[in-house]
N, C-alpha and C. Protein backbone atom coordinates (compact mmCIF):
# COMPACT_ATOMS: atom_id res chain seq x y z
N MET A 1 8.78 -18.07 -14.25
CA MET A 1 8.61 -16.64 -13.26
C MET A 1 7.18 -16.14 -13.85
N ALA A 2 6.60 -15.75 -12.99
CA ALA A 2 5.05 -14.73 -13.49
C ALA A 2 5.20 -13.88 -14.40
N ARG A 3 4.33 -14.09 -15.26
CA ARG A 3 4.21 -12.27 -16.63
C ARG A 3 4.22 -11.61 -15.37
N TYR A 4 3.09 -10.69 -15.10
CA TYR A 4 3.38 -10.08 -14.05
C TYR A 4 3.49 -10.40 -12.47
N LYS A 5 3.07 -9.27 -11.43
CA LYS A 5 3.04 -9.13 -10.23
C LYS A 5 2.14 -8.31 -9.31
N VAL A 6 1.47 -8.56 -8.54
CA VAL A 6 -0.22 -7.53 -8.02
C VAL A 6 0.15 -7.89 -6.96
N LEU A 7 0.09 -6.88 -6.45
CA LEU A 7 -0.57 -6.51 -4.89
C LEU A 7 -2.09 -6.28 -4.82
N ILE A 8 -2.96 -7.37 -3.80
CA ILE A 8 -4.14 -7.34 -3.62
C ILE A 8 -4.57 -6.75 -2.82
N LEU A 9 -4.57 -5.28 -2.39
CA LEU A 9 -4.43 -5.08 -0.96
C LEU A 9 -6.00 -4.41 -0.59
N HIS A 10 -6.39 -5.10 1.03
CA HIS A 10 -8.12 -4.54 1.31
C HIS A 10 -7.78 -3.77 2.87
N GLY A 11 -8.80 -3.11 2.37
CA GLY A 11 -8.84 -2.32 3.82
C GLY A 11 -9.35 -2.59 4.76
N PRO A 12 -9.85 -1.49 6.07
CA PRO A 12 -10.50 -1.74 6.84
C PRO A 12 -11.49 -2.21 6.79
N ASN A 13 -11.69 -3.80 7.76
CA ASN A 13 -12.90 -4.18 8.24
C ASN A 13 -13.34 -5.02 7.19
N LEU A 14 -12.55 -4.95 6.22
CA LEU A 14 -12.83 -6.34 5.23
C LEU A 14 -12.18 -7.14 5.68
N ASN A 15 -11.92 -7.61 6.48
CA ASN A 15 -11.70 -9.40 7.31
C ASN A 15 -12.91 -9.35 7.80
N LEU A 16 -13.67 -8.49 7.99
CA LEU A 16 -14.93 -9.16 8.88
C LEU A 16 -15.58 -9.58 7.37
N LEU A 17 -15.71 -9.84 6.27
CA LEU A 17 -16.48 -9.67 4.76
C LEU A 17 -17.16 -10.95 5.25
N GLY A 18 -18.43 -11.57 4.96
CA GLY A 18 -19.41 -12.47 5.37
C GLY A 18 -19.79 -12.40 6.43
N THR A 19 -19.75 -11.23 7.06
CA THR A 19 -20.62 -11.24 8.43
C THR A 19 -21.38 -10.22 8.63
N ARG A 20 -20.38 -9.30 8.24
CA ARG A 20 -20.65 -7.58 7.87
C ARG A 20 -21.23 -7.30 7.15
N GLU A 21 -22.50 -6.95 7.91
CA GLU A 21 -23.30 -6.58 6.81
C GLU A 21 -23.92 -6.78 5.40
N PRO A 22 -24.07 -8.34 5.41
CA PRO A 22 -24.21 -8.80 4.25
C PRO A 22 -25.34 -8.35 3.06
N GLU A 23 -26.24 -7.69 3.58
CA GLU A 23 -26.88 -6.83 3.02
C GLU A 23 -26.61 -5.84 1.59
N ILE A 24 -25.12 -5.67 2.24
CA ILE A 24 -24.72 -5.21 1.00
C ILE A 24 -23.29 -5.04 0.54
N TYR A 25 -22.32 -5.87 1.60
CA TYR A 25 -21.13 -6.85 1.03
C TYR A 25 -21.32 -7.83 0.88
N GLY A 26 -22.27 -8.43 0.81
CA GLY A 26 -22.30 -9.84 0.38
C GLY A 26 -21.86 -10.72 1.72
N ARG A 27 -22.10 -12.43 1.31
CA ARG A 27 -21.93 -13.28 2.36
C ARG A 27 -20.68 -13.90 2.24
N ILE A 28 -19.86 -14.06 1.17
CA ILE A 28 -18.33 -13.95 0.89
C ILE A 28 -17.38 -13.63 1.58
N THR A 29 -16.03 -14.60 1.82
CA THR A 29 -15.84 -14.30 2.96
C THR A 29 -14.00 -13.33 1.92
N LEU A 30 -13.18 -12.56 2.89
CA LEU A 30 -12.23 -11.94 2.52
C LEU A 30 -11.06 -13.27 1.86
N ASP A 31 -10.77 -14.35 2.47
CA ASP A 31 -10.20 -15.60 2.30
C ASP A 31 -10.82 -16.25 0.86
N GLU A 32 -11.68 -15.81 0.71
CA GLU A 32 -12.72 -16.77 0.08
C GLU A 32 -12.52 -16.13 -2.07
N ILE A 33 -12.69 -14.57 -1.42
CA ILE A 33 -11.73 -13.38 -2.61
C ILE A 33 -10.34 -13.97 -2.66
N ASN A 34 -9.53 -13.71 -2.11
CA ASN A 34 -8.04 -14.02 -2.48
C ASN A 34 -8.18 -15.16 -2.95
N ARG A 35 -8.90 -16.35 -2.68
CA ARG A 35 -8.54 -17.93 -3.65
C ARG A 35 -8.99 -17.51 -5.04
N ARG A 36 -10.09 -16.89 -4.87
CA ARG A 36 -10.71 -16.78 -6.05
C ARG A 36 -9.79 -16.53 -6.84
N LEU A 37 -9.42 -14.78 -6.54
CA LEU A 37 -8.46 -14.02 -6.96
C LEU A 37 -6.85 -15.10 -7.41
N MET A 38 -6.45 -15.85 -6.84
CA MET A 38 -5.47 -16.53 -6.87
C MET A 38 -5.51 -17.36 -8.41
N GLU A 39 -7.10 -17.91 -7.92
CA GLU A 39 -7.40 -18.99 -9.49
C GLU A 39 -6.77 -18.16 -10.69
N ALA A 40 -7.53 -17.23 -10.44
CA ALA A 40 -7.58 -16.45 -12.27
C ALA A 40 -6.61 -16.09 -12.22
N ALA A 41 -5.64 -15.67 -11.40
CA ALA A 41 -4.17 -15.16 -11.67
C ALA A 41 -3.04 -15.60 -12.33
N SER A 42 -3.60 -17.81 -11.66
CA SER A 42 -2.66 -18.47 -11.78
C SER A 42 -2.80 -19.05 -13.31
N ALA A 43 -4.18 -18.80 -13.53
CA ALA A 43 -5.12 -19.11 -15.05
C ALA A 43 -3.71 -17.83 -16.10
N ARG A 44 -3.58 -16.98 -15.45
CA ARG A 44 -2.91 -15.52 -16.34
C ARG A 44 -1.95 -16.11 -16.12
N ASP A 45 -1.00 -16.76 -15.61
CA ASP A 45 0.46 -16.44 -15.27
C ASP A 45 0.72 -15.53 -14.39
N VAL A 46 0.40 -14.44 -13.11
CA VAL A 46 0.67 -13.73 -12.50
C VAL A 46 0.52 -14.54 -11.16
N GLU A 47 1.15 -13.86 -10.55
CA GLU A 47 1.59 -14.21 -8.92
C GLU A 47 0.97 -12.76 -8.43
N ILE A 48 0.28 -13.20 -7.38
CA ILE A 48 -0.34 -12.14 -6.38
C ILE A 48 0.25 -12.83 -4.87
N ARG A 49 -0.03 -11.37 -4.63
CA ARG A 49 0.06 -11.15 -3.07
C ARG A 49 -1.05 -10.41 -2.28
N ALA A 50 -1.46 -10.97 -1.16
CA ALA A 50 -2.68 -10.30 -0.82
C ALA A 50 -2.68 -9.59 0.89
N LEU A 51 -2.99 -8.49 0.86
CA LEU A 51 -2.35 -8.32 1.91
C LEU A 51 -4.26 -7.75 2.70
N GLN A 52 -4.76 -7.51 4.35
CA GLN A 52 -5.30 -6.81 4.48
C GLN A 52 -5.03 -5.71 5.51
N SER A 53 -5.08 -5.07 5.94
CA SER A 53 -4.86 -4.13 7.19
C SER A 53 -5.96 -3.25 8.07
N ASN A 54 -6.34 -3.31 8.54
CA ASN A 54 -6.85 -2.38 9.79
C ASN A 54 -5.91 -0.86 9.80
N SER A 55 -5.13 -0.66 9.56
CA SER A 55 -4.26 0.55 9.76
C SER A 55 -3.87 1.58 8.56
N GLU A 56 -3.93 2.77 8.39
CA GLU A 56 -4.14 3.10 7.74
C GLU A 56 -2.31 3.07 7.22
N GLY A 57 -1.41 2.98 8.25
CA GLY A 57 0.45 3.28 8.14
C GLY A 57 0.26 1.85 7.21
N THR A 58 0.11 1.24 8.07
CA THR A 58 0.32 -0.33 7.01
C THR A 58 0.10 -0.17 5.47
N LEU A 59 -1.17 -0.57 5.52
CA LEU A 59 -1.88 0.13 3.84
C LEU A 59 -0.54 1.24 3.21
N VAL A 60 0.21 2.39 3.91
CA VAL A 60 0.73 3.23 3.06
C VAL A 60 1.66 2.62 2.45
N ASP A 61 2.32 1.86 4.18
CA ASP A 61 3.63 0.62 3.48
C ASP A 61 3.52 0.15 2.74
N ALA A 62 2.60 -1.00 3.14
CA ALA A 62 2.40 -1.90 1.90
C ALA A 62 2.81 -1.36 0.12
N ILE A 63 1.99 -0.25 -0.21
CA ILE A 63 2.11 0.62 -1.22
C ILE A 63 3.14 1.40 -1.65
N GLN A 64 4.24 1.54 -0.61
CA GLN A 64 5.40 2.11 -0.93
C GLN A 64 6.50 0.43 -1.07
N ASP A 65 6.33 -0.63 -0.43
CA ASP A 65 6.78 -2.19 -0.45
C ASP A 65 6.94 -3.07 -2.04
N ALA A 66 5.51 -2.52 -2.20
CA ALA A 66 5.57 -3.11 -3.75
C ALA A 66 5.88 -2.24 -4.84
N MET A 67 6.28 -1.05 -4.45
CA MET A 67 7.32 -0.50 -5.77
C MET A 67 8.46 -1.23 -5.64
N ALA A 68 8.87 -1.89 -4.91
CA ALA A 68 10.11 -2.94 -5.38
C ALA A 68 9.94 -4.11 -5.88
N TRP A 69 8.65 -4.44 -6.33
CA TRP A 69 8.54 -6.17 -6.66
C TRP A 69 7.06 -6.21 -7.71
N ALA A 70 6.50 -4.92 -7.09
CA ALA A 70 4.89 -5.42 -8.45
C ALA A 70 4.30 -4.56 -9.33
N ASP A 71 4.12 -4.92 -10.39
CA ASP A 71 3.06 -4.27 -11.64
C ASP A 71 2.54 -3.26 -11.32
N GLY A 72 1.33 -3.78 -10.64
CA GLY A 72 0.43 -2.88 -10.39
C GLY A 72 -0.04 -3.41 -9.15
N ILE A 73 -1.15 -2.91 -8.62
CA ILE A 73 -1.86 -3.22 -7.20
C ILE A 73 -3.71 -3.13 -7.84
N ILE A 74 -3.77 -4.14 -6.95
CA ILE A 74 -5.80 -3.76 -7.12
C ILE A 74 -5.67 -3.49 -5.56
N PHE A 75 -7.02 -2.25 -5.04
CA PHE A 75 -6.85 -1.86 -4.27
C PHE A 75 -8.54 -1.69 -3.49
N ASN A 76 -9.08 -2.04 -2.55
CA ASN A 76 -9.92 -1.39 -1.93
C ASN A 76 -10.12 -0.88 -0.56
N PRO A 77 -10.11 0.76 -0.91
CA PRO A 77 -9.18 0.99 0.40
C PRO A 77 -10.30 1.21 1.70
N ALA A 78 -11.81 0.49 1.10
CA ALA A 78 -12.81 0.37 1.98
C ALA A 78 -13.27 2.61 2.83
N ALA A 79 -13.37 2.50 3.70
CA ALA A 79 -13.84 3.39 4.10
C ALA A 79 -12.81 4.61 4.22
N TYR A 80 -11.12 4.06 4.28
CA TYR A 80 -10.05 5.37 4.01
C TYR A 80 -10.10 6.50 3.12
N THR A 81 -11.08 5.18 1.56
CA THR A 81 -10.97 6.39 0.22
C THR A 81 -12.02 7.39 0.64
N HIS A 82 -12.65 7.68 1.29
CA HIS A 82 -13.25 8.96 1.63
C HIS A 82 -12.38 9.98 2.57
N THR A 83 -11.79 9.38 3.13
CA THR A 83 -10.39 10.33 4.50
C THR A 83 -9.06 10.43 4.24
N SER A 84 -8.18 9.45 3.15
CA SER A 84 -7.46 9.19 3.95
C SER A 84 -6.38 10.20 2.28
N VAL A 85 -5.67 11.35 2.66
CA VAL A 85 -4.67 11.81 2.02
C VAL A 85 -3.54 11.47 2.02
N ALA A 86 -3.02 10.09 2.80
CA ALA A 86 -1.51 9.63 3.58
C ALA A 86 -1.98 8.80 2.01
N LEU A 87 -3.03 7.43 1.70
CA LEU A 87 -2.99 6.58 0.66
C LEU A 87 -2.86 6.76 -0.26
N ARG A 88 -3.72 8.43 -0.67
CA ARG A 88 -3.74 9.00 -2.03
C ARG A 88 -2.22 9.43 -2.30
N ASP A 89 -1.63 10.06 -1.65
CA ASP A 89 -0.24 10.55 -1.54
C ASP A 89 0.98 9.03 -2.09
N ALA A 90 -0.02 7.83 -1.16
CA ALA A 90 1.82 7.22 -1.54
C ALA A 90 1.07 6.18 -2.59
N ILE A 91 -0.28 6.45 -3.53
CA ILE A 91 -0.73 6.04 -4.94
C ILE A 91 0.10 6.27 -5.59
N ALA A 92 -0.10 7.78 -5.82
CA ALA A 92 0.78 8.67 -6.65
C ALA A 92 2.23 8.82 -6.55
N ALA A 93 2.87 8.67 -5.76
CA ALA A 93 4.10 8.21 -5.48
C ALA A 93 4.88 7.62 -5.44
N SER A 94 3.67 6.30 -5.69
CA SER A 94 4.39 4.76 -6.31
C SER A 94 4.69 4.61 -7.34
N GLY A 95 3.87 5.41 -8.51
CA GLY A 95 4.52 5.37 -9.85
C GLY A 95 3.81 4.18 -10.23
N LEU A 96 2.89 3.36 -9.68
CA LEU A 96 2.37 1.94 -10.30
C LEU A 96 0.93 2.11 -10.26
N PRO A 97 0.44 1.27 -11.61
CA PRO A 97 -1.16 1.71 -11.82
C PRO A 97 -1.53 0.78 -10.89
N VAL A 98 -3.03 1.49 -10.28
CA VAL A 98 -3.72 1.26 -8.99
C VAL A 98 -5.09 0.85 -9.29
N VAL A 99 -5.75 0.04 -9.65
CA VAL A 99 -7.53 -0.03 -9.78
C VAL A 99 -8.28 -0.04 -8.58
N GLU A 100 -8.63 0.87 -8.42
CA GLU A 100 -9.54 1.05 -6.82
C GLU A 100 -10.89 0.54 -7.12
N VAL A 101 -11.30 -0.53 -5.99
CA VAL A 101 -12.19 -1.35 -6.46
C VAL A 101 -13.04 -1.58 -5.05
N HIS A 102 -14.73 -0.81 -4.86
CA HIS A 102 -15.48 -1.80 -4.14
C HIS A 102 -16.51 -2.55 -4.36
N LEU A 103 -16.70 -2.87 -3.33
CA LEU A 103 -17.91 -4.02 -3.46
C LEU A 103 -19.26 -4.13 -3.70
N SER A 104 -19.86 -2.29 -2.99
CA SER A 104 -21.03 -2.19 -3.25
C SER A 104 -20.56 -0.41 -4.10
N ASN A 105 -21.67 -0.25 -4.97
CA ASN A 105 -21.99 0.60 -5.78
C ASN A 105 -21.56 1.90 -5.19
N VAL A 106 -20.72 2.69 -4.93
CA VAL A 106 -20.44 4.14 -3.25
C VAL A 106 -21.89 5.32 -4.24
N HIS A 107 -21.74 5.27 -5.13
CA HIS A 107 -22.26 6.12 -5.77
C HIS A 107 -23.73 6.29 -5.48
N ALA A 108 -24.44 4.83 -5.33
CA ALA A 108 -25.90 4.52 -4.56
C ALA A 108 -25.90 4.55 -3.64
N ARG A 109 -24.82 4.85 -2.42
CA ARG A 109 -24.99 5.33 -0.54
C ARG A 109 -24.92 6.45 -0.11
N GLU A 110 -24.85 6.61 0.75
CA GLU A 110 -24.13 7.76 1.18
C GLU A 110 -23.62 8.65 0.56
N ASP A 111 -24.17 9.89 1.02
CA ASP A 111 -23.51 11.21 0.34
C ASP A 111 -21.88 11.08 0.24
N PHE A 112 -21.46 10.83 2.12
CA PHE A 112 -20.25 11.10 2.02
C PHE A 112 -19.33 9.85 1.16
N ARG A 113 -19.70 8.66 0.86
CA ARG A 113 -19.25 7.56 0.27
C ARG A 113 -19.16 8.04 -1.50
N HIS A 114 -19.64 8.98 -2.06
CA HIS A 114 -19.47 9.77 -3.20
C HIS A 114 -17.47 10.30 -3.46
N THR A 115 -17.74 10.73 -2.61
CA THR A 115 -16.21 11.14 -2.86
C THR A 115 -14.49 10.33 -2.68
N SER A 116 -13.82 10.20 -3.49
CA SER A 116 -12.91 9.39 -3.50
C SER A 116 -12.02 10.03 -3.17
N LEU A 117 -10.79 10.49 -2.38
CA LEU A 117 -9.91 10.70 -2.49
C LEU A 117 -8.60 10.11 -3.12
N THR A 118 -8.88 9.00 -3.41
CA THR A 118 -7.63 7.63 -3.75
C THR A 118 -7.97 8.34 -5.40
N ALA A 119 -9.34 7.77 -5.98
CA ALA A 119 -9.82 7.32 -7.61
C ALA A 119 -8.86 7.92 -7.92
N PRO A 120 -8.57 10.19 -7.93
CA PRO A 120 -8.17 10.89 -8.92
C PRO A 120 -6.41 10.02 -8.93
N VAL A 121 -6.38 9.25 -8.63
CA VAL A 121 -4.13 8.67 -8.81
C VAL A 121 -4.52 7.95 -9.07
N CYS A 122 -5.74 7.40 -9.37
CA CYS A 122 -5.69 5.58 -10.02
C CYS A 122 -6.03 5.49 -10.83
N ALA A 123 -5.27 4.47 -11.69
CA ALA A 123 -5.97 3.92 -13.04
C ALA A 123 -7.43 4.01 -13.61
N GLY A 124 -8.00 3.63 -12.35
CA GLY A 124 -9.60 3.61 -12.46
C GLY A 124 -10.83 3.06 -11.47
N GLN A 125 -11.61 3.04 -11.36
CA GLN A 125 -12.50 2.31 -10.38
C GLN A 125 -13.68 1.49 -11.02
N ILE A 126 -13.53 0.51 -9.92
CA ILE A 126 -14.91 -0.31 -10.33
C ILE A 126 -15.31 -0.62 -9.24
N SER A 127 -16.77 -0.46 -9.18
CA SER A 127 -17.38 -0.83 -8.21
C SER A 127 -18.87 -1.30 -7.97
N GLY A 128 -19.73 -1.92 -7.36
CA GLY A 128 -20.93 -2.46 -7.20
C GLY A 128 -21.04 -4.14 -7.85
N PHE A 129 -19.90 -4.65 -7.73
CA PHE A 129 -20.10 -5.50 -8.58
C PHE A 129 -19.75 -7.07 -7.49
N GLY A 130 -19.95 -6.66 -6.34
CA GLY A 130 -19.44 -7.27 -5.31
C GLY A 130 -17.99 -7.96 -5.08
N TRP A 131 -18.27 -9.04 -4.68
CA TRP A 131 -16.64 -9.45 -5.18
C TRP A 131 -15.75 -9.77 -6.45
N ARG A 132 -16.98 -9.98 -7.71
CA ARG A 132 -16.18 -9.76 -8.51
C ARG A 132 -15.70 -8.42 -9.01
N SER A 133 -15.93 -7.22 -8.30
CA SER A 133 -15.55 -5.85 -8.79
C SER A 133 -13.60 -6.40 -8.45
N TYR A 134 -13.00 -6.74 -7.39
CA TYR A 134 -12.20 -7.66 -7.70
C TYR A 134 -11.42 -8.10 -8.91
N LEU A 135 -12.41 -9.19 -9.23
CA LEU A 135 -11.55 -10.04 -10.24
C LEU A 135 -11.72 -8.95 -11.74
N LEU A 136 -12.64 -8.50 -11.45
CA LEU A 136 -12.70 -6.87 -12.73
C LEU A 136 -11.68 -6.26 -12.74
N GLY A 137 -11.58 -5.88 -11.59
CA GLY A 137 -9.85 -5.00 -11.29
C GLY A 137 -9.04 -5.58 -11.86
N LEU A 138 -8.53 -6.82 -11.76
CA LEU A 138 -7.59 -8.01 -11.83
C LEU A 138 -7.47 -7.63 -13.95
N GLU A 139 -9.07 -8.22 -14.46
CA GLU A 139 -8.36 -8.42 -15.32
C GLU A 139 -8.51 -6.74 -15.89
N ALA A 140 -8.76 -5.97 -15.39
CA ALA A 140 -8.44 -4.40 -15.98
C ALA A 140 -6.98 -3.78 -15.51
N LEU A 141 -6.54 -4.16 -14.64
CA LEU A 141 -4.85 -4.19 -14.96
C LEU A 141 -3.58 -5.09 -15.64
N LEU A 142 -4.30 -6.43 -15.34
CA LEU A 142 -3.67 -6.77 -16.86
C LEU A 142 -3.55 -6.25 -18.28
N ALA A 143 -5.03 -6.24 -18.30
CA ALA A 143 -4.86 -5.01 -19.86
C ALA A 143 -3.92 -3.86 -19.84
N ARG A 144 -4.69 -3.11 -18.95
CA ARG A 144 -3.28 -1.98 -19.01
C ARG A 144 -2.11 -1.83 -18.84
N LEU A 145 -1.11 -3.35 -18.51
CA LEU A 145 -0.02 -3.81 -18.17
C LEU A 145 0.38 -4.23 -19.36
N ASP A 146 -0.33 -5.00 -20.47
CA ASP A 146 -0.40 -5.57 -21.49
C ASP A 146 0.07 -4.65 -22.48
N GLU A 147 -0.99 -3.43 -22.35
CA GLU A 147 -0.75 -2.33 -23.40
C GLU A 147 0.19 -1.31 -22.79
N GLU A 148 0.96 -1.22 -21.96
CA GLU A 148 1.98 -0.95 -21.76
C GLU A 148 3.26 -1.38 -22.34
N ASP A 149 3.11 -2.84 -22.45
CA ASP A 149 4.23 -3.58 -22.78
C ASP A 149 4.35 -3.80 -24.16
N SER A 150 3.48 -3.70 -24.61
CA SER A 150 3.42 -3.63 -26.68
C SER A 150 3.54 -2.34 -26.86
N GLY A 151 3.86 -1.31 -25.76
CA GLY A 151 4.05 0.21 -26.33
C GLY A 151 3.09 1.00 -26.64
């Protein structure tokens, strides 16, 4: 049995990674990010389940469903970061530690990207490291879960 179970949640347009604005988001595909995360998780005896959706409601449902099985969530809400009270409320209600991740440095981009509605209810936020933001998010989440387990 896995030590921890983690939901990797990808928001809108991330299914286009590799071809969408590669100068900002890189050339790595979402499938490749998920593969690399699965390798890293397997080495740490962690089970991950990954889901991408362009639908806000599906993302809310995934967070609520994770309450029944997951120990934490790595979440890139993408454009919903700046607009979704529903996702913010789902994260807050879940009681799960959530690490918000972004491929680009959102604070070095357009002004509207500087405000995250979801970050205040997350354990933390990692941005600007490309696909490695997910890997760093996983490491941070596992460290937090280890701390909680050790009391």
